[in-house]
Amino acid sequence: MTTAKTHQGEQERLSSLEQRAEQGGGPEAIARHHQRGKLTARERLDLLFDRGSFVEVNRLAESQAVDFGMQAKKV
């Protein structure tokens, strides 16, 4: 495999992970929040900051917690 193909594959993988992170637990989780009258974290951030003024870092960071079965939860 060439370096260009490797980089393209890695870029596609990262793009897929970022899209998954933006979904915030998926449509069902978002619907549950809305049914409870709550906004998702992303929705709250959109209301809090002016458009283009917020730069998210560590978008793909995951919790390292292992107590209470947290290691099995991926959001």
PDB file of N, CA and C in Angstrom:
ATOM      1  N   MET A   1       0.851  -1.176   0.000  1.00  0.00           N
ATOM      2  CA  MET A   1       0.000   0.000   0.000  1.00  0.00           C
ATOM      3  C   MET A   1       0.894   1.234   0.000  1.00  0.00           C
ATOM      4  N   THR A   2       0.542   2.188  -0.810  1.00  0.00           N
ATOM      5  CA  THR A   2       1.350   3.402  -0.893  1.00  0.00           C
ATOM      6  C   THR A   2       1.045   4.322   0.281  1.00  0.00           C
ATOM      7  N   THR A   3       1.967   5.239   0.501  1.00  0.00           N
ATOM      8  CA  THR A   3       1.786   6.200   1.588  1.00  0.00           C
ATOM      9  C   THR A   3       0.539   7.039   1.370  1.00  0.00           C
ATOM     10  N   ALA A   4       0.294   7.451   0.126  1.00  0.00           N
ATOM     11  CA  ALA A   4      -0.887   8.267  -0.176  1.00  0.00           C
ATOM     12  C   ALA A   4      -2.169   7.509   0.154  1.00  0.00           C
ATOM     13  N   LYS A   5      -2.220   6.218  -0.188  1.00  0.00           N
ATOM     14  CA  LYS A   5      -3.406   5.417   0.114  1.00  0.00           C
ATOM     15  C   LYS A   5      -3.562   5.231   1.617  1.00  0.00           C
ATOM     16  N   THR A   6      -2.444   5.051   2.305  1.00  0.00           N
ATOM     17  CA  THR A   6      -2.483   4.907   3.759  1.00  0.00           C
ATOM     18  C   THR A   6      -3.028   6.173   4.396  1.00  0.00           C
ATOM     19  N   HIS A   7      -2.528   7.321   3.951  1.00  0.00           N
ATOM     20  CA  HIS A   7      -3.000   8.593   4.493  1.00  0.00           C
ATOM     21  C   HIS A   7      -4.473   8.815   4.166  1.00  0.00           C
ATOM     22  N   GLN A   8      -4.881   8.461   2.960  1.00  0.00           N
ATOM     23  CA  GLN A   8      -6.280   8.631   2.575  1.00  0.00           C
ATOM     24  C   GLN A   8      -7.174   7.746   3.444  1.00  0.00           C
ATOM     25  N   GLY A   9      -6.751   6.511   3.655  1.00  0.00           N
ATOM     26  CA  GLY A   9      -7.527   5.601   4.498  1.00  0.00           C
ATOM     27  C   GLY A   9      -7.631   6.108   5.929  1.00  0.00           C
ATOM     28  N   GLU A  10      -6.528   6.628   6.444  1.00  0.00           N
ATOM     29  CA  GLU A  10      -6.526   7.159   7.807  1.00  0.00           C
ATOM     30  C   GLU A  10      -7.402   8.406   7.904  1.00  0.00           C
ATOM     31  N   GLN A  11      -7.346   9.238   6.878  1.00  0.00           N
ATOM     32  CA  GLN A  11      -8.167  10.449   6.854  1.00  0.00           C
ATOM     33  C   GLN A  11      -9.657  10.089   6.813  1.00  0.00           C
ATOM     34  N   GLU A  12     -10.001   9.073   6.049  1.00  0.00           N
ATOM     35  CA  GLU A  12     -11.394   8.621   5.983  1.00  0.00           C
ATOM     36  C   GLU A  12     -11.849   8.067   7.331  1.00  0.00           C
ATOM     37  N   ARG A  13     -10.959   7.324   7.985  1.00  0.00           N
ATOM     38  CA  ARG A  13     -11.283   6.759   9.300  1.00  0.00           C
ATOM     39  C   ARG A  13     -11.523   7.875  10.318  1.00  0.00           C
ATOM     40  N   LEU A  14     -10.646   8.878  10.325  1.00  0.00           N
ATOM     41  CA  LEU A  14     -10.800  10.001  11.248  1.00  0.00           C
ATOM     42  C   LEU A  14     -12.074  10.788  10.957  1.00  0.00           C
ATOM     43  N   SER A  15     -12.371  10.977   9.686  1.00  0.00           N
ATOM     44  CA  SER A  15     -13.592  11.681   9.298  1.00  0.00           C
ATOM     45  C   SER A  15     -14.822  10.931   9.803  1.00  0.00           C
ATOM     46  N   SER A  16     -14.798   9.617   9.682  1.00  0.00           N
ATOM     47  CA  SER A  16     -15.903   8.792  10.159  1.00  0.00           C
ATOM     48  C   SER A  16     -16.056   8.908  11.679  1.00  0.00           C
ATOM     49  N   LEU A  17     -14.938   8.889  12.399  1.00  0.00           N
ATOM     50  CA  LEU A  17     -14.980   9.032  13.856  1.00  0.00           C
ATOM     51  C   LEU A  17     -15.504  10.401  14.268  1.00  0.00           C
ATOM     52  N   GLU A  18     -15.111  11.438  13.540  1.00  0.00           N
ATOM     53  CA  GLU A  18     -15.590  12.790  13.852  1.00  0.00           C
ATOM     54  C   GLU A  18     -17.094  12.905  13.615  1.00  0.00           C
ATOM     55  N   GLN A  19     -17.578  12.303  12.534  1.00  0.00           N
ATOM     56  CA  GLN A  19     -19.020  12.329  12.260  1.00  0.00           C
ATOM     57  C   GLN A  19     -19.779  11.610  13.370  1.00  0.00           C
ATOM     58  N   ARG A  20     -19.229  10.489  13.819  1.00  0.00           N
ATOM     59  CA  ARG A  20     -19.861   9.732  14.901  1.00  0.00           C
ATOM     60  C   ARG A  20     -19.879  10.551  16.193  1.00  0.00           C
ATOM     61  N   ALA A  21     -18.781  11.260  16.466  1.00  0.00           N
ATOM     62  CA  ALA A  21     -18.708  12.092  17.667  1.00  0.00           C
ATOM     63  C   ALA A  21     -19.738  13.215  17.607  1.00  0.00           C
ATOM     64  N   GLU A  22     -19.954  13.764  16.427  1.00  0.00           N
ATOM     65  CA  GLU A  22     -20.925  14.856  16.272  1.00  0.00           C
ATOM     66  C   GLU A  22     -22.352  14.393  16.498  1.00  0.00           C
ATOM     67  N   GLN A  23     -22.605  13.114  16.309  1.00  0.00           N
ATOM     68  CA  GLN A  23     -23.961  12.588  16.478  1.00  0.00           C
ATOM     69  C   GLN A  23     -24.366  12.537  17.948  1.00  0.00           C
ATOM     70  N   GLY A  24     -23.411  12.633  18.848  1.00  0.00           N
ATOM     71  CA  GLY A  24     -23.720  12.723  20.272  1.00  0.00           C
ATOM     72  C   GLY A  24     -24.543  11.586  20.835  1.00  0.00           C
ATOM     73  N   GLY A  25     -24.190  10.365  20.538  1.00  0.00           N
ATOM     74  CA  GLY A  25     -24.926   9.224  21.069  1.00  0.00           C
ATOM     75  C   GLY A  25     -25.979   8.684  20.129  1.00  0.00           C
ATOM     76  N   GLY A  26     -26.173   9.346  19.011  1.00  0.00           N
ATOM     77  CA  GLY A  26     -27.116   8.878  18.009  1.00  0.00           C
ATOM     78  C   GLY A  26     -28.488   9.511  18.136  1.00  0.00           C
ATOM     79  N   PRO A  27     -29.317   9.291  17.138  1.00  0.00           N
ATOM     80  CA  PRO A  27     -30.646   9.909  17.088  1.00  0.00           C
ATOM     81  C   PRO A  27     -31.535   9.550  18.282  1.00  0.00           C
ATOM     82  N   GLU A  28     -31.419   8.311  18.779  1.00  0.00           N
ATOM     83  CA  GLU A  28     -32.260   7.901  19.907  1.00  0.00           C
ATOM     84  C   GLU A  28     -31.906   8.687  21.160  1.00  0.00           C
ATOM     85  N   ALA A  29     -30.613   8.856  21.420  1.00  0.00           N
ATOM     86  CA  ALA A  29     -30.173   9.602  22.603  1.00  0.00           C
ATOM     87  C   ALA A  29     -30.589  11.068  22.506  1.00  0.00           C
ATOM     88  N   ILE A  30     -30.464  11.626  21.320  1.00  0.00           N
ATOM     89  CA  ILE A  30     -30.862  13.024  21.119  1.00  0.00           C
ATOM     90  C   ILE A  30     -32.369  13.169  21.327  1.00  0.00           C
ATOM     91  N   ALA A  31     -33.138  12.220  20.815  1.00  0.00           N
ATOM     92  CA  ALA A  31     -34.595  12.261  20.984  1.00  0.00           C
ATOM     93  C   ALA A  31     -34.972  12.170  22.462  1.00  0.00           C
ATOM     94  N   ARG A  32     -34.272  11.322  23.237  1.00  0.00           N
ATOM     95  CA  ARG A  32     -34.545  11.217  24.674  1.00  0.00           C
ATOM     96  C   ARG A  32     -34.291  12.550  25.374  1.00  0.00           C
ATOM     97  N   HIS A  33     -33.192  13.212  25.000  1.00  0.00           N
ATOM     98  CA  HIS A  33     -32.899  14.533  25.574  1.00  0.00           C
ATOM     99  C   HIS A  33     -34.041  15.502  25.272  1.00  0.00           C
ATOM    100  N   HIS A  34     -34.447  15.534  24.033  1.00  0.00           N
ATOM    101  CA  HIS A  34     -35.494  16.470  23.618  1.00  0.00           C
ATOM    102  C   HIS A  34     -36.830  16.153  24.295  1.00  0.00           C
ATOM    103  N   GLN A  35     -37.135  14.865  24.478  1.00  0.00           N
ATOM    104  CA  GLN A  35     -38.376  14.475  25.154  1.00  0.00           C
ATOM    105  C   GLN A  35     -38.385  14.952  26.603  1.00  0.00           C
ATOM    106  N   ARG A  36     -37.211  15.043  27.200  1.00  0.00           N
ATOM    107  CA  ARG A  36     -37.091  15.521  28.587  1.00  0.00           C
ATOM    108  C   ARG A  36     -37.003  17.045  28.664  1.00  0.00           C
ATOM    109  N   GLY A  37     -37.094  17.686  27.508  1.00  0.00           N
ATOM    110  CA  GLY A  37     -37.016  19.138  27.479  1.00  0.00           C
ATOM    111  C   GLY A  37     -35.596  19.665  27.593  1.00  0.00           C
ATOM    112  N   LYS A  38     -34.627  18.819  27.264  1.00  0.00           N
ATOM    113  CA  LYS A  38     -33.221  19.203  27.372  1.00  0.00           C
ATOM    114  C   LYS A  38     -32.615  19.402  25.993  1.00  0.00           C
ATOM    115  N   LEU A  39     -31.546  20.176  25.955  1.00  0.00           N
ATOM    116  CA  LEU A  39     -30.739  20.324  24.746  1.00  0.00           C
ATOM    117  C   LEU A  39     -29.498  19.456  24.889  1.00  0.00           C
ATOM    118  N   THR A  40     -28.956  19.019  23.765  1.00  0.00           N
ATOM    119  CA  THR A  40     -27.694  18.284  23.813  1.00  0.00           C
ATOM    120  C   THR A  40     -26.563  19.266  24.112  1.00  0.00           C
ATOM    121  N   ALA A  41     -25.411  18.726  24.467  1.00  0.00           N
ATOM    122  CA  ALA A  41     -24.254  19.582  24.754  1.00  0.00           C
ATOM    123  C   ALA A  41     -23.912  20.446  23.547  1.00  0.00           C
ATOM    124  N   ARG A  42     -23.936  19.880  22.361  1.00  0.00           N
ATOM    125  CA  ARG A  42     -23.634  20.654  21.150  1.00  0.00           C
ATOM    126  C   ARG A  42     -24.652  21.763  20.927  1.00  0.00           C
ATOM    127  N   GLU A  43     -25.913  21.471  21.175  1.00  0.00           N
ATOM    128  CA  GLU A  43     -26.946  22.497  21.011  1.00  0.00           C
ATOM    129  C   GLU A  43     -26.740  23.637  22.007  1.00  0.00           C
ATOM    130  N   ARG A  44     -26.368  23.292  23.238  1.00  0.00           N
ATOM    131  CA  ARG A  44     -26.106  24.336  24.240  1.00  0.00           C
ATOM    132  C   ARG A  44     -24.906  25.179  23.847  1.00  0.00           C
ATOM    133  N   LEU A  45     -23.859  24.538  23.325  1.00  0.00           N
ATOM    134  CA  LEU A  45     -22.678  25.289  22.881  1.00  0.00           C
ATOM    135  C   LEU A  45     -23.022  26.215  21.723  1.00  0.00           C
ATOM    136  N   ASP A  46     -23.855  25.740  20.803  1.00  0.00           N
ATOM    137  CA  ASP A  46     -24.272  26.582  19.669  1.00  0.00           C
ATOM    138  C   ASP A  46     -24.995  27.837  20.144  1.00  0.00           C
ATOM    139  N   LEU A  47     -25.774  27.714  21.211  1.00  0.00           N
ATOM    140  CA  LEU A  47     -26.487  28.872  21.750  1.00  0.00           C
ATOM    141  C   LEU A  47     -25.561  29.797  22.544  1.00  0.00           C
ATOM    142  N   LEU A  48     -24.548  29.223  23.170  1.00  0.00           N
ATOM    143  CA  LEU A  48     -23.666  29.988  24.047  1.00  0.00           C
ATOM    144  C   LEU A  48     -22.656  30.842  23.290  1.00  0.00           C
ATOM    145  N   PHE A  49     -22.071  30.281  22.233  1.00  0.00           N
ATOM    146  CA  PHE A  49     -20.990  30.958  21.516  1.00  0.00           C
ATOM    147  C   PHE A  49     -21.471  31.573  20.209  1.00  0.00           C
ATOM    148  N   ASP A  50     -20.819  32.660  19.821  1.00  0.00           N
ATOM    149  CA  ASP A  50     -21.053  33.238  18.504  1.00  0.00           C
ATOM    150  C   ASP A  50     -20.527  32.269  17.452  1.00  0.00           C
ATOM    151  N   ARG A  51     -21.206  32.205  16.313  1.00  0.00           N
ATOM    152  CA  ARG A  51     -20.784  31.311  15.231  1.00  0.00           C
ATOM    153  C   ARG A  51     -19.341  31.616  14.830  1.00  0.00           C
ATOM    154  N   GLY A  52     -18.528  30.576  14.773  1.00  0.00           N
ATOM    155  CA  GLY A  52     -17.134  30.714  14.364  1.00  0.00           C
ATOM    156  C   GLY A  52     -16.181  31.116  15.476  1.00  0.00           C
ATOM    157  N   SER A  53     -16.699  31.350  16.693  1.00  0.00           N
ATOM    158  CA  SER A  53     -15.813  31.780  17.774  1.00  0.00           C
ATOM    159  C   SER A  53     -15.359  30.626  18.662  1.00  0.00           C
ATOM    160  N   PHE A  54     -15.944  29.460  18.501  1.00  0.00           N
ATOM    161  CA  PHE A  54     -15.614  28.297  19.331  1.00  0.00           C
ATOM    162  C   PHE A  54     -14.798  27.305  18.519  1.00  0.00           C
ATOM    163  N   VAL A  55     -13.665  26.895  19.064  1.00  0.00           N
ATOM    164  CA  VAL A  55     -12.821  25.891  18.416  1.00  0.00           C
ATOM    165  C   VAL A  55     -12.774  24.677  19.335  1.00  0.00           C
ATOM    166  N   GLU A  56     -13.315  23.582  18.871  1.00  0.00           N
ATOM    167  CA  GLU A  56     -13.339  22.365  19.677  1.00  0.00           C
ATOM    168  C   GLU A  56     -12.015  21.628  19.534  1.00  0.00           C
ATOM    169  N   VAL A  57     -11.438  21.245  20.659  1.00  0.00           N
ATOM    170  CA  VAL A  57     -10.210  20.454  20.656  1.00  0.00           C
ATOM    171  C   VAL A  57     -10.510  19.114  21.321  1.00  0.00           C
ATOM    172  N   ASN A  58      -9.739  18.126  20.970  1.00  0.00           N
ATOM    173  CA  ASN A  58      -9.904  16.779  21.538  1.00  0.00           C
ATOM    174  C   ASN A  58     -11.297  16.210  21.280  1.00  0.00           C
ATOM    175  N   ARG A  59     -11.797  16.439  20.089  1.00  0.00           N
ATOM    176  CA  ARG A  59     -13.132  15.962  19.725  1.00  0.00           C
ATOM    177  C   ARG A  59     -13.254  14.448  19.869  1.00  0.00           C
ATOM    178  N   LEU A  60     -12.155  13.740  19.690  1.00  0.00           N
ATOM    179  CA  LEU A  60     -12.206  12.284  19.727  1.00  0.00           C
ATOM    180  C   LEU A  60     -11.742  11.705  21.059  1.00  0.00           C
ATOM    181  N   ALA A  61     -11.576  12.548  22.072  1.00  0.00           N
ATOM    182  CA  ALA A  61     -11.149  12.067  23.388  1.00  0.00           C
ATOM    183  C   ALA A  61     -12.235  11.178  23.984  1.00  0.00           C
ATOM    184  N   GLU A  62     -11.810  10.150  24.686  1.00  0.00           N
ATOM    185  CA  GLU A  62     -12.748   9.239  25.335  1.00  0.00           C
ATOM    186  C   GLU A  62     -12.439   9.175  26.820  1.00  0.00           C
ATOM    187  N   SER A  63     -13.451   8.892  27.595  1.00  0.00           N
ATOM    188  CA  SER A  63     -13.284   8.763  29.035  1.00  0.00           C
ATOM    189  C   SER A  63     -12.430   7.537  29.343  1.00  0.00           C
ATOM    190  N   GLN A  64     -11.625   7.644  30.382  1.00  0.00           N
ATOM    191  CA  GLN A  64     -10.809   6.521  30.825  1.00  0.00           C
ATOM    192  C   GLN A  64     -11.407   5.860  32.067  1.00  0.00           C
ATOM    193  N   ALA A  65     -12.610   6.266  32.453  1.00  0.00           N
ATOM    194  CA  ALA A  65     -13.264   5.729  33.647  1.00  0.00           C
ATOM    195  C   ALA A  65     -13.613   4.259  33.447  1.00  0.00           C
ATOM    196  N   VAL A  66     -13.407   3.457  34.493  1.00  0.00           N
ATOM    197  CA  VAL A  66     -13.725   2.033  34.422  1.00  0.00           C
ATOM    198  C   VAL A  66     -14.701   1.603  35.515  1.00  0.00           C
ATOM    199  N   ASP A  67     -14.962   2.470  36.482  1.00  0.00           N
ATOM    200  CA  ASP A  67     -15.903   2.129  37.546  1.00  0.00           C
ATOM    201  C   ASP A  67     -17.334   2.134  37.019  1.00  0.00           C
ATOM    202  N   PHE A  68     -18.183   1.344  37.658  1.00  0.00           N
ATOM    203  CA  PHE A  68     -19.612   1.297  37.348  1.00  0.00           C
ATOM    204  C   PHE A  68     -19.888   0.903  35.898  1.00  0.00           C
ATOM    205  N   GLY A  69     -19.018   0.111  35.298  1.00  0.00           N
ATOM    206  CA  GLY A  69     -19.234  -0.357  33.934  1.00  0.00           C
ATOM    207  C   GLY A  69     -19.008   0.687  32.857  1.00  0.00           C
ATOM    208  N   MET A  70     -18.349   1.787  33.199  1.00  0.00           N
ATOM    209  CA  MET A  70     -18.156   2.879  32.241  1.00  0.00           C
ATOM    210  C   MET A  70     -17.275   2.483  31.057  1.00  0.00           C
ATOM    211  N   GLN A  71     -16.391   1.489  31.226  1.00  0.00           N
ATOM    212  CA  GLN A  71     -15.515   1.108  30.124  1.00  0.00           C
ATOM    213  C   GLN A  71     -16.299   0.567  28.937  1.00  0.00           C
ATOM    214  N   ALA A  72     -17.516   0.106  29.168  1.00  0.00           N
ATOM    215  CA  ALA A  72     -18.340  -0.436  28.083  1.00  0.00           C
ATOM    216  C   ALA A  72     -19.147   0.644  27.372  1.00  0.00           C
ATOM    217  N   LYS A  73     -19.205   1.850  27.939  1.00  0.00           N
ATOM    218  CA  LYS A  73     -20.005   2.928  27.344  1.00  0.00           C
ATOM    219  C   LYS A  73     -19.146   3.765  26.420  1.00  0.00           C
ATOM    220  N   LYS A  74     -19.538   3.838  25.178  1.00  0.00           N
ATOM    221  CA  LYS A  74     -18.860   4.682  24.191  1.00  0.00           C
ATOM    222  C   LYS A  74     -19.890   5.631  23.615  1.00  0.00           C
ATOM    223  N   VAL A  75     -19.589   6.899  23.669  1.00  0.00           N
ATOM    224  CA  VAL A  75     -20.520   7.904  23.144  1.00  0.00           C
ATOM    225  C   VAL A  75     -19.888   8.566  21.958  1.00  0.00           C
TER     226      VAL A  75
END
